[in-house]
């Protein structure tokens, strides 16, 4: 079981690293989108800002949330979680 958890944690570390890098890059790209819209001005800027706020950042926030969930799962498989496994408590009592 320990080998399986180690393999799962290795895959999760790789996936989390890529997802975090992607979220950071896309967040910066969104900032530059707002900066370009500010420089352009007018209706085009309003359309750019609407796209960024209503579509772009929605998917970015979902990606960041899923990455956070993977971080919690990774902590659990590495044994660094602060919460207790209820099944381990029952095994120790028996």
PDB file of N, CA and C in Angstrom:
ATOM      1  N   UNK A   1       0.827  -1.201   0.000  1.00  0.00           N
ATOM      2  CA  UNK A   1       0.000   0.000   0.000  1.00  0.00           C
ATOM      3  C   UNK A   1       0.864   1.255   0.000  1.00  0.00           C
ATOM      4  N   UNK A   2       2.012   1.163   0.696  1.00  0.00           N
ATOM      5  CA  UNK A   2       2.888   2.321   0.767  1.00  0.00           C
ATOM      6  C   UNK A   2       3.476   2.665  -0.598  1.00  0.00           C
ATOM      7  N   UNK A   3       3.776   1.647  -1.403  1.00  0.00           N
ATOM      8  CA  UNK A   3       4.311   1.890  -2.743  1.00  0.00           C
ATOM      9  C   UNK A   3       3.271   2.548  -3.641  1.00  0.00           C
ATOM     10  N   UNK A   4       2.029   2.132  -3.490  1.00  0.00           N
ATOM     11  CA  UNK A   4       0.951   2.721  -4.289  1.00  0.00           C
ATOM     12  C   UNK A   4       0.781   4.194  -3.928  1.00  0.00           C
ATOM     13  N   UNK A   5       0.802   4.508  -2.642  1.00  0.00           N
ATOM     14  CA  UNK A   5       0.678   5.905  -2.204  1.00  0.00           C
ATOM     15  C   UNK A   5       1.853   6.733  -2.705  1.00  0.00           C
ATOM     16  N   UNK A   6       3.048   6.143  -2.718  1.00  0.00           N
ATOM     17  CA  UNK A   6       4.226   6.865  -3.205  1.00  0.00           C
ATOM     18  C   UNK A   6       4.118   7.164  -4.698  1.00  0.00           C
ATOM     19  N   UNK A   7       3.595   6.204  -5.477  1.00  0.00           N
ATOM     20  CA  UNK A   7       3.415   6.419  -6.909  1.00  0.00           C
ATOM     21  C   UNK A   7       2.348   7.475  -7.173  1.00  0.00           C
ATOM     22  N   UNK A   8       1.262   7.411  -6.406  1.00  0.00           N
ATOM     23  CA  UNK A   8       0.189   8.395  -6.562  1.00  0.00           C
ATOM     24  C   UNK A   8       0.701   9.782  -6.202  1.00  0.00           C
ATOM     25  N   UNK A   9       1.480   9.894  -5.128  1.00  0.00           N
ATOM     26  CA  UNK A   9       1.989  11.203  -4.732  1.00  0.00           C
ATOM     27  C   UNK A   9       2.980  11.757  -5.752  1.00  0.00           C
ATOM     28  N   UNK A  10       3.758  10.882  -6.408  1.00  0.00           N
ATOM     29  CA  UNK A  10       4.674  11.345  -7.444  1.00  0.00           C
ATOM     30  C   UNK A  10       3.909  11.922  -8.634  1.00  0.00           C
ATOM     31  N   UNK A  11       2.866  11.238  -9.053  1.00  0.00           N
ATOM     32  CA  UNK A  11       2.049  11.727 -10.170  1.00  0.00           C
ATOM     33  C   UNK A  11       1.343  13.029  -9.785  1.00  0.00           C
ATOM     34  N   UNK A  12       0.826  13.095  -8.559  1.00  0.00           N
ATOM     35  CA  UNK A  12       0.144  14.313  -8.107  1.00  0.00           C
ATOM     36  C   UNK A  12       1.103  15.493  -8.006  1.00  0.00           C
ATOM     37  N   UNK A  13       2.341  15.255  -7.547  1.00  0.00           N
ATOM     38  CA  UNK A  13       3.319  16.341  -7.477  1.00  0.00           C
ATOM     39  C   UNK A  13       3.597  16.902  -8.866  1.00  0.00           C
ATOM     40  N   UNK A  14       3.720  16.024  -9.847  1.00  0.00           N
ATOM     41  CA  UNK A  14       3.948  16.458 -11.225  1.00  0.00           C
ATOM     42  C   UNK A  14       2.756  17.261 -11.745  1.00  0.00           C
ATOM     43  N   UNK A  15       1.551  16.754 -11.525  1.00  0.00           N
ATOM     44  CA  UNK A  15       0.347  17.436 -12.011  1.00  0.00           C
ATOM     45  C   UNK A  15       0.143  18.781 -11.310  1.00  0.00           C
ATOM     46  N   UNK A  16       0.408  18.831 -10.018  1.00  0.00           N
ATOM     47  CA  UNK A  16       0.245  20.073  -9.265  1.00  0.00           C
ATOM     48  C   UNK A  16       1.257  21.113  -9.721  1.00  0.00           C
ATOM     49  N   UNK A  17       2.476  20.690  -9.967  1.00  0.00           N
ATOM     50  CA  UNK A  17       3.498  21.616 -10.444  1.00  0.00           C
ATOM     51  C   UNK A  17       3.113  22.255 -11.766  1.00  0.00           C
ATOM     52  N   UNK A  18       2.620  21.446 -12.691  1.00  0.00           N
ATOM     53  CA  UNK A  18       2.196  21.977 -13.987  1.00  0.00           C
ATOM     54  C   UNK A  18       0.977  22.881 -13.822  1.00  0.00           C
ATOM     55  N   UNK A  19       0.016  22.471 -13.003  1.00  0.00           N
ATOM     56  CA  UNK A  19      -1.199  23.263 -12.810  1.00  0.00           C
ATOM     57  C   UNK A  19      -0.897  24.605 -12.140  1.00  0.00           C
ATOM     58  N   UNK A  20       0.007  24.604 -11.157  1.00  0.00           N
ATOM     59  CA  UNK A  20       0.362  25.869 -10.504  1.00  0.00           C
ATOM     60  C   UNK A  20       1.079  26.809 -11.461  1.00  0.00           C
ATOM     61  N   UNK A  21       1.995  26.272 -12.250  1.00  0.00           N
ATOM     62  CA  UNK A  21       2.688  27.102 -13.234  1.00  0.00           C
ATOM     63  C   UNK A  21       1.695  27.663 -14.253  1.00  0.00           C
ATOM     64  N   UNK A  22       0.751  26.834 -14.671  1.00  0.00           N
ATOM     65  CA  UNK A  22      -0.267  27.268 -15.625  1.00  0.00           C
ATOM     66  C   UNK A  22      -1.145  28.368 -15.037  1.00  0.00           C
ATOM     67  N   UNK A  23      -1.578  28.195 -13.786  1.00  0.00           N
ATOM     68  CA  UNK A  23      -2.420  29.207 -13.145  1.00  0.00           C
ATOM     69  C   UNK A  23      -1.681  30.532 -12.981  1.00  0.00           C
ATOM     70  N   UNK A  24      -0.406  30.465 -12.589  1.00  0.00           N
ATOM     71  CA  UNK A  24       0.366  31.703 -12.438  1.00  0.00           C
ATOM     72  C   UNK A  24       0.556  32.413 -13.778  1.00  0.00           C
ATOM     73  N   UNK A  25       0.878  31.651 -14.815  1.00  0.00           N
ATOM     74  CA  UNK A  25       1.065  32.244 -16.130  1.00  0.00           C
ATOM     75  C   UNK A  25      -0.230  32.846 -16.656  1.00  0.00           C
ATOM     76  N   UNK A  26      -1.332  32.114 -16.521  1.00  0.00           N
ATOM     77  CA  UNK A  26      -2.614  32.610 -17.028  1.00  0.00           C
ATOM     78  C   UNK A  26      -3.126  33.804 -16.222  1.00  0.00           C
ATOM     79  N   UNK A  27      -2.843  33.826 -14.924  1.00  0.00           N
ATOM     80  CA  UNK A  27      -3.216  34.990 -14.124  1.00  0.00           C
ATOM     81  C   UNK A  27      -2.470  36.237 -14.576  1.00  0.00           C
ATOM     82  N   UNK A  28      -1.184  36.093 -14.854  1.00  0.00           N
ATOM     83  CA  UNK A  28      -0.410  37.221 -15.370  1.00  0.00           C
ATOM     84  C   UNK A  28      -0.869  37.648 -16.743  1.00  0.00           C
ATOM     85  N   UNK A  29      -1.241  36.674 -17.569  1.00  0.00           N
ATOM     86  CA  UNK A  29      -1.751  36.981 -18.902  1.00  0.00           C
ATOM     87  C   UNK A  29      -3.064  37.764 -18.813  1.00  0.00           C
ATOM     88  N   UNK A  30      -3.903  37.409 -17.843  1.00  0.00           N
ATOM     89  CA  UNK A  30      -5.143  38.159 -17.631  1.00  0.00           C
ATOM     90  C   UNK A  30      -4.874  39.591 -17.212  1.00  0.00           C
ATOM     91  N   UNK A  31      -3.862  39.777 -16.371  1.00  0.00           N
ATOM     92  CA  UNK A  31      -3.485  41.136 -15.970  1.00  0.00           C
ATOM     93  C   UNK A  31      -3.067  41.960 -17.187  1.00  0.00           C
ATOM     94  N   UNK A  32      -2.266  41.368 -18.049  1.00  0.00           N
ATOM     95  CA  UNK A  32      -1.849  42.097 -19.247  1.00  0.00           C
ATOM     96  C   UNK A  32      -3.025  42.345 -20.195  1.00  0.00           C
ATOM     97  N   UNK A  33      -4.020  41.469 -20.164  1.00  0.00           N
ATOM     98  CA  UNK A  33      -5.234  41.712 -20.942  1.00  0.00           C
ATOM     99  C   UNK A  33      -5.961  42.962 -20.469  1.00  0.00           C
ATOM    100  N   UNK A  34      -6.065  43.125 -19.142  1.00  0.00           N
ATOM    101  CA  UNK A  34      -6.691  44.333 -18.604  1.00  0.00           C
ATOM    102  C   UNK A  34      -5.845  45.568 -18.905  1.00  0.00           C
ATOM    103  N   UNK A  35      -4.535  45.407 -18.874  1.00  0.00           N
ATOM    104  CA  UNK A  35      -3.648  46.521 -19.179  1.00  0.00           C
ATOM    105  C   UNK A  35      -3.796  46.967 -20.637  1.00  0.00           C
ATOM    106  N   UNK A  36      -3.898  46.011 -21.546  1.00  0.00           N
ATOM    107  CA  UNK A  36      -4.108  46.323 -22.961  1.00  0.00           C
ATOM    108  C   UNK A  36      -5.466  46.993 -23.150  1.00  0.00           C
ATOM    109  N   UNK A  37      -6.486  46.495 -22.458  1.00  0.00           N
ATOM    110  CA  UNK A  37      -7.816  47.102 -22.568  1.00  0.00           C
ATOM    111  C   UNK A  37      -7.806  48.536 -22.062  1.00  0.00           C
ATOM    112  N   UNK A  38      -7.042  48.787 -20.998  1.00  0.00           N
ATOM    113  CA  UNK A  38      -6.935  50.142 -20.469  1.00  0.00           C
ATOM    114  C   UNK A  38      -6.294  51.074 -21.491  1.00  0.00           C
ATOM    115  N   UNK A  39      -5.276  50.562 -22.186  1.00  0.00           N
ATOM    116  CA  UNK A  39      -4.592  51.385 -23.192  1.00  0.00           C
ATOM    117  C   UNK A  39      -5.458  51.620 -24.431  1.00  0.00           C
ATOM    118  N   UNK A  40      -6.276  50.632 -24.801  1.00  0.00           N
ATOM    119  CA  UNK A  40      -7.115  50.765 -25.993  1.00  0.00           C
ATOM    120  C   UNK A  40      -8.284  51.708 -25.731  1.00  0.00           C
ATOM    121  N   UNK A  41      -9.028  51.427 -24.684  1.00  0.00           N
ATOM    122  CA  UNK A  41     -10.174  52.257 -24.334  1.00  0.00           C
ATOM    123  C   UNK A  41     -11.384  51.995 -25.225  1.00  0.00           C
ATOM    124  N   UNK A  42     -12.497  52.607 -24.892  1.00  0.00           N
ATOM    125  CA  UNK A  42     -13.709  52.522 -25.701  1.00  0.00           C
ATOM    126  C   UNK A  42     -14.458  51.212 -25.554  1.00  0.00           C
ATOM    127  N   UNK A  43     -15.279  50.902 -26.568  1.00  0.00           N
ATOM    128  CA  UNK A  43     -16.109  49.700 -26.553  1.00  0.00           C
ATOM    129  C   UNK A  43     -15.272  48.424 -26.657  1.00  0.00           C
ATOM    130  N   UNK A  44     -14.176  48.507 -27.379  1.00  0.00           N
ATOM    131  CA  UNK A  44     -13.316  47.337 -27.497  1.00  0.00           C
ATOM    132  C   UNK A  44     -12.751  46.945 -26.140  1.00  0.00           C
ATOM    133  N   UNK A  45     -12.357  47.928 -25.360  1.00  0.00           N
ATOM    134  CA  UNK A  45     -11.844  47.657 -24.017  1.00  0.00           C
ATOM    135  C   UNK A  45     -12.926  47.044 -23.136  1.00  0.00           C
ATOM    136  N   UNK A  46     -14.145  47.526 -23.275  1.00  0.00           N
ATOM    137  CA  UNK A  46     -15.254  46.962 -22.494  1.00  0.00           C
ATOM    138  C   UNK A  46     -15.490  45.507 -22.870  1.00  0.00           C
ATOM    139  N   UNK A  47     -15.400  45.194 -24.165  1.00  0.00           N
ATOM    140  CA  UNK A  47     -15.575  43.802 -24.596  1.00  0.00           C
ATOM    141  C   UNK A  47     -14.449  42.905 -24.079  1.00  0.00           C
ATOM    142  N   UNK A  48     -13.225  43.409 -24.100  1.00  0.00           N
ATOM    143  CA  UNK A  48     -12.090  42.633 -23.587  1.00  0.00           C
ATOM    144  C   UNK A  48     -12.270  42.369 -22.095  1.00  0.00           C
ATOM    145  N   UNK A  49     -12.636  43.404 -21.354  1.00  0.00           N
ATOM    146  CA  UNK A  49     -12.816  43.255 -19.898  1.00  0.00           C
ATOM    147  C   UNK A  49     -13.967  42.313 -19.567  1.00  0.00           C
ATOM    148  N   UNK A  50     -15.061  42.382 -20.334  1.00  0.00           N
ATOM    149  CA  UNK A  50     -16.170  41.459 -20.113  1.00  0.00           C
ATOM    150  C   UNK A  50     -15.751  40.020 -20.370  1.00  0.00           C
ATOM    151  N   UNK A  51     -14.996  39.784 -21.439  1.00  0.00           N
ATOM    152  CA  UNK A  51     -14.510  38.439 -21.721  1.00  0.00           C
ATOM    153  C   UNK A  51     -13.612  37.932 -20.602  1.00  0.00           C
ATOM    154  N   UNK A  52     -12.693  38.785 -20.157  1.00  0.00           N
ATOM    155  CA  UNK A  52     -11.760  38.363 -19.114  1.00  0.00           C
ATOM    156  C   UNK A  52     -12.481  38.063 -17.804  1.00  0.00           C
ATOM    157  N   UNK A  53     -13.412  38.909 -17.425  1.00  0.00           N
ATOM    158  CA  UNK A  53     -14.056  38.714 -16.131  1.00  0.00           C
ATOM    159  C   UNK A  53     -15.140  37.647 -16.139  1.00  0.00           C
ATOM    160  N   UNK A  54     -15.852  37.475 -17.238  1.00  0.00           N
ATOM    161  CA  UNK A  54     -16.985  36.538 -17.256  1.00  0.00           C
ATOM    162  C   UNK A  54     -16.633  35.155 -17.787  1.00  0.00           C
ATOM    163  N   UNK A  55     -15.573  35.047 -18.559  1.00  0.00           N
ATOM    164  CA  UNK A  55     -15.224  33.757 -19.139  1.00  0.00           C
ATOM    165  C   UNK A  55     -13.849  33.282 -18.693  1.00  0.00           C
ATOM    166  N   UNK A  56     -12.869  34.121 -18.902  1.00  0.00           N
ATOM    167  CA  UNK A  56     -11.473  33.740 -18.686  1.00  0.00           C
ATOM    168  C   UNK A  56     -11.202  33.410 -17.224  1.00  0.00           C
ATOM    169  N   UNK A  57     -11.555  34.331 -16.327  1.00  0.00           N
ATOM    170  CA  UNK A  57     -11.257  34.126 -14.914  1.00  0.00           C
ATOM    171  C   UNK A  57     -12.126  33.044 -14.283  1.00  0.00           C
ATOM    172  N   UNK A  58     -13.269  32.749 -14.854  1.00  0.00           N
ATOM    173  CA  UNK A  58     -14.104  31.664 -14.334  1.00  0.00           C
ATOM    174  C   UNK A  58     -13.359  30.336 -14.464  1.00  0.00           C
ATOM    175  N   UNK A  59     -12.783  30.094 -15.642  1.00  0.00           N
ATOM    176  CA  UNK A  59     -12.032  28.858 -15.842  1.00  0.00           C
ATOM    177  C   UNK A  59     -10.728  28.852 -15.057  1.00  0.00           C
ATOM    178  N   UNK A  60     -10.121  30.000 -14.897  1.00  0.00           N
ATOM    179  CA  UNK A  60      -8.891  30.096 -14.121  1.00  0.00           C
ATOM    180  C   UNK A  60      -9.153  29.785 -12.650  1.00  0.00           C
ATOM    181  N   UNK A  61     -10.247  30.282 -12.117  1.00  0.00           N
ATOM    182  CA  UNK A  61     -10.600  30.007 -10.719  1.00  0.00           C
ATOM    183  C   UNK A  61     -10.939  28.534 -10.527  1.00  0.00           C
ATOM    184  N   UNK A  62     -11.633  27.936 -11.485  1.00  0.00           N
ATOM    185  CA  UNK A  62     -11.928  26.500 -11.392  1.00  0.00           C
ATOM    186  C   UNK A  62     -10.650  25.671 -11.418  1.00  0.00           C
ATOM    187  N   UNK A  63      -9.715  26.045 -12.266  1.00  0.00           N
ATOM    188  CA  UNK A  63      -8.444  25.332 -12.334  1.00  0.00           C
ATOM    189  C   UNK A  63      -7.674  25.463 -11.020  1.00  0.00           C
ATOM    190  N   UNK A  64      -7.661  26.644 -10.446  1.00  0.00           N
ATOM    191  CA  UNK A  64      -6.974  26.856  -9.175  1.00  0.00           C
ATOM    192  C   UNK A  64      -7.645  26.075  -8.043  1.00  0.00           C
ATOM    193  N   UNK A  65      -8.961  25.966  -8.063  1.00  0.00           N
ATOM    194  CA  UNK A  65      -9.681  25.207  -7.046  1.00  0.00           C
ATOM    195  C   UNK A  65      -9.369  23.721  -7.140  1.00  0.00           C
ATOM    196  N   UNK A  66      -9.348  23.192  -8.339  1.00  0.00           N
ATOM    197  CA  UNK A  66      -9.024  21.780  -8.529  1.00  0.00           C
ATOM    198  C   UNK A  66      -7.579  21.509  -8.123  1.00  0.00           C
ATOM    199  N   UNK A  67      -6.685  22.448  -8.408  1.00  0.00           N
ATOM    200  CA  UNK A  67      -5.291  22.298  -7.993  1.00  0.00           C
ATOM    201  C   UNK A  67      -5.179  22.269  -6.476  1.00  0.00           C
ATOM    202  N   UNK A  68      -5.938  23.099  -5.799  1.00  0.00           N
ATOM    203  CA  UNK A  68      -5.940  23.099  -4.340  1.00  0.00           C
ATOM    204  C   UNK A  68      -6.453  21.769  -3.795  1.00  0.00           C
ATOM    205  N   UNK A  69      -7.471  21.213  -4.415  1.00  0.00           N
ATOM    206  CA  UNK A  69      -7.975  19.903  -4.018  1.00  0.00           C
ATOM    207  C   UNK A  69      -6.898  18.836  -4.180  1.00  0.00           C
ATOM    208  N   UNK A  70      -6.175  18.886  -5.298  1.00  0.00           N
ATOM    209  CA  UNK A  70      -5.079  17.937  -5.505  1.00  0.00           C
ATOM    210  C   UNK A  70      -3.993  18.109  -4.445  1.00  0.00           C
ATOM    211  N   UNK A  71      -3.743  19.343  -4.010  1.00  0.00           N
ATOM    212  CA  UNK A  71      -2.755  19.583  -2.950  1.00  0.00           C
ATOM    213  C   UNK A  71      -3.174  18.904  -1.646  1.00  0.00           C
ATOM    214  N   UNK A  72      -4.456  18.984  -1.323  1.00  0.00           N
ATOM    215  CA  UNK A  72      -4.941  18.320  -0.110  1.00  0.00           C
ATOM    216  C   UNK A  72      -4.811  16.806  -0.211  1.00  0.00           C
ATOM    217  N   UNK A  73      -5.137  16.269  -1.373  1.00  0.00           N
ATOM    218  CA  UNK A  73      -5.013  14.817  -1.578  1.00  0.00           C
ATOM    219  C   UNK A  73      -3.547  14.403  -1.495  1.00  0.00           C
ATOM    220  N   UNK A  74      -2.663  15.202  -2.056  1.00  0.00           N
ATOM    221  CA  UNK A  74      -1.234  14.909  -2.002  1.00  0.00           C
ATOM    222  C   UNK A  74      -0.733  14.912  -0.565  1.00  0.00           C
ATOM    223  N   UNK A  75      -1.167  15.874   0.227  1.00  0.00           N
ATOM    224  CA  UNK A  75      -0.779  15.902   1.636  1.00  0.00           C
ATOM    225  C   UNK A  75      -1.246  14.650   2.357  1.00  0.00           C
ATOM    226  N   UNK A  76      -2.429  14.180   2.021  1.00  0.00           N
ATOM    227  CA  UNK A  76      -2.958  12.983   2.658  1.00  0.00           C
ATOM    228  C   UNK A  76      -2.118  11.761   2.298  1.00  0.00           C
ATOM    229  N   UNK A  77      -1.761  11.621   1.006  1.00  0.00           N
ATOM    230  CA  UNK A  77      -0.979  10.466   0.589  1.00  0.00           C
ATOM    231  C   UNK A  77       0.459  10.522   1.102  1.00  0.00           C
ATOM    232  N   UNK A  78       0.999  11.709   1.317  1.00  0.00           N
ATOM    233  CA  UNK A  78       2.343  11.837   1.871  1.00  0.00           C
ATOM    234  C   UNK A  78       2.372  11.678   3.386  1.00  0.00           C
ATOM    235  N   UNK A  79       1.218  11.708   4.015  1.00  0.00           N
ATOM    236  CA  UNK A  79       1.146  11.583   5.465  1.00  0.00           C
ATOM    237  C   UNK A  79       1.347  12.910   6.177  1.00  0.00           C
ATOM    238  N   UNK A  80       1.271  14.022   5.467  1.00  0.00           N
ATOM    239  CA  UNK A  80       1.460  15.342   6.062  1.00  0.00           C
ATOM    240  C   UNK A  80       0.149  16.005   6.452  1.00  0.00           C
ATOM    241  N   UNK A  81      -0.935  15.313   6.298  1.00  0.00           N
ATOM    242  CA  UNK A  81      -2.248  15.903   6.571  1.00  0.00           C
ATOM    243  C   UNK A  81      -2.431  16.129   8.065  1.00  0.00           C
ATOM    244  N   UNK A  82      -3.101  17.194   8.412  1.00  0.00           N
ATOM    245  CA  UNK A  82      -3.348  17.515   9.814  1.00  0.00           C
ATOM    246  C   UNK A  82      -4.570  16.805  10.369  1.00  0.00           C
ATOM    247  N   UNK A  83      -5.403  16.273   9.485  1.00  0.00           N
ATOM    248  CA  UNK A  83      -6.588  15.581   9.952  1.00  0.00           C
ATOM    249  C   UNK A  83      -6.257  14.111  10.170  1.00  0.00           C
ATOM    250  N   UNK A  84      -7.078  13.444  10.945  1.00  0.00           N
ATOM    251  CA  UNK A  84      -6.852  12.044  11.293  1.00  0.00           C
ATOM    252  C   UNK A  84      -7.724  11.152  10.425  1.00  0.00           C
ATOM    253  N   UNK A  85      -7.191  10.024  10.063  1.00  0.00           N
ATOM    254  CA  UNK A  85      -7.943   9.031   9.306  1.00  0.00           C
ATOM    255  C   UNK A  85      -8.790   8.232  10.299  1.00  0.00           C
ATOM    256  N   UNK A  86     -10.110   8.227  10.163  1.00  0.00           N
ATOM    257  CA  UNK A  86     -10.952   7.528  11.143  1.00  0.00           C
ATOM    258  C   UNK A  86     -10.759   6.006  11.100  1.00  0.00           C
ATOM    259  N   UNK A  87     -10.328   5.462   9.983  1.00  0.00           N
ATOM    260  CA  UNK A  87     -10.138   4.023   9.883  1.00  0.00           C
ATOM    261  C   UNK A  87      -8.889   3.569  10.626  1.00  0.00           C
ATOM    262  N   UNK A  88      -7.871   4.385  10.689  1.00  0.00           N
ATOM    263  CA  UNK A  88      -6.656   4.041  11.435  1.00  0.00           C
ATOM    264  C   UNK A  88      -6.920   3.990  12.933  1.00  0.00           C
ATOM    265  N   UNK A  89      -7.822   4.833  13.401  1.00  0.00           N
ATOM    266  CA  UNK A  89      -8.160   4.849  14.816  1.00  0.00           C
ATOM    267  C   UNK A  89      -8.846   3.530  15.188  1.00  0.00           C
ATOM    268  N   UNK A  90      -9.720   3.033  14.345  1.00  0.00           N
ATOM    269  CA  UNK A  90     -10.410   1.787  14.623  1.00  0.00           C
ATOM    270  C   UNK A  90      -9.440   0.607  14.590  1.00  0.00           C
ATOM    271  N   UNK A  91      -8.441   0.664  13.699  1.00  0.00           N
ATOM    272  CA  UNK A  91      -7.479  -0.416  13.629  1.00  0.00           C
ATOM    273  C   UNK A  91      -6.618  -0.458  14.886  1.00  0.00           C
ATOM    274  N   UNK A  92      -6.245   0.689  15.447  1.00  0.00           N
ATOM    275  CA  UNK A  92      -5.416   0.731  16.633  1.00  0.00           C
ATOM    276  C   UNK A  92      -6.161   0.228  17.864  1.00  0.00           C
ATOM    277  N   UNK A  93      -7.468   0.501  17.918  1.00  0.00           N
ATOM    278  CA  UNK A  93      -8.256   0.058  19.065  1.00  0.00           C
ATOM    279  C   UNK A  93      -8.418  -1.439  19.099  1.00  0.00           C
ATOM    280  N   UNK A  94      -8.462  -2.077  17.931  1.00  0.00           N
ATOM    281  CA  UNK A  94      -8.680  -3.524  17.889  1.00  0.00           C
ATOM    282  C   UNK A  94      -7.423  -4.242  18.104  1.00  0.00           C
TER     283      UNK A  94
END
